[in-house]
Amino acid sequence: MIYGSAGICQVVDVTTMEMDGVPKDRLYYVLRPENGNGGTIFTPVDHTKVVLRRMMTKEEVEDLLGDMPKLETLQISNEKLRENAYRECMKSCDSRELVRMIKTIYLRKKERISCGKKATATDERYLKLAEDSLYSEFSHLLGIPKNEMVDYIQKKIESE
């Protein structure tokens, strides 16, 4: 499963909690993050604040990679709202939205550099967050090291 910003997690149990103030009949997922930071996450099965979704399949990843050139960039008309738009993409945990955000930031960075400007700190921060999130899932499913994912994606797009 993918759980919010924790990323790939293994569901190790579904259980109730034995704690004061917690309903005895409420079910919780017990999640173990794959990122190796240790710890365990307990989240209600009916929780809606943090996105919990199943991982994509290998075929879904390949389809998404094939769609990358056709995906629209994010349309952010007001620069003051740029970070909010990025934050909403990250919170959605939607792979297509993360790809759109990465594409938007990549093209914006390229344009800024061609004009003699640097990429903004906000763009760099959210690009790293989105790439870490998305490429971890891709790496897991495709069996390609995460640090080789950018090259793999570029070759894949160029070959289509």
Foldseek 3Di string as FASTA:
>chain_A
DQKALLADWDFPDWAADDDPPGDRPFIWTWIFRPPPPDDIDTDTPPDDQIDDDDFDALVVVLVLLQCLVVQAADDDPDPVCVLVLLVVLSRVLDLSSLSNLLVNLVVVQVVQVVVVHHRDPSSVVSNVSSLVRNLVSNCVNVVNDSVCVVVVSVVSNVVD
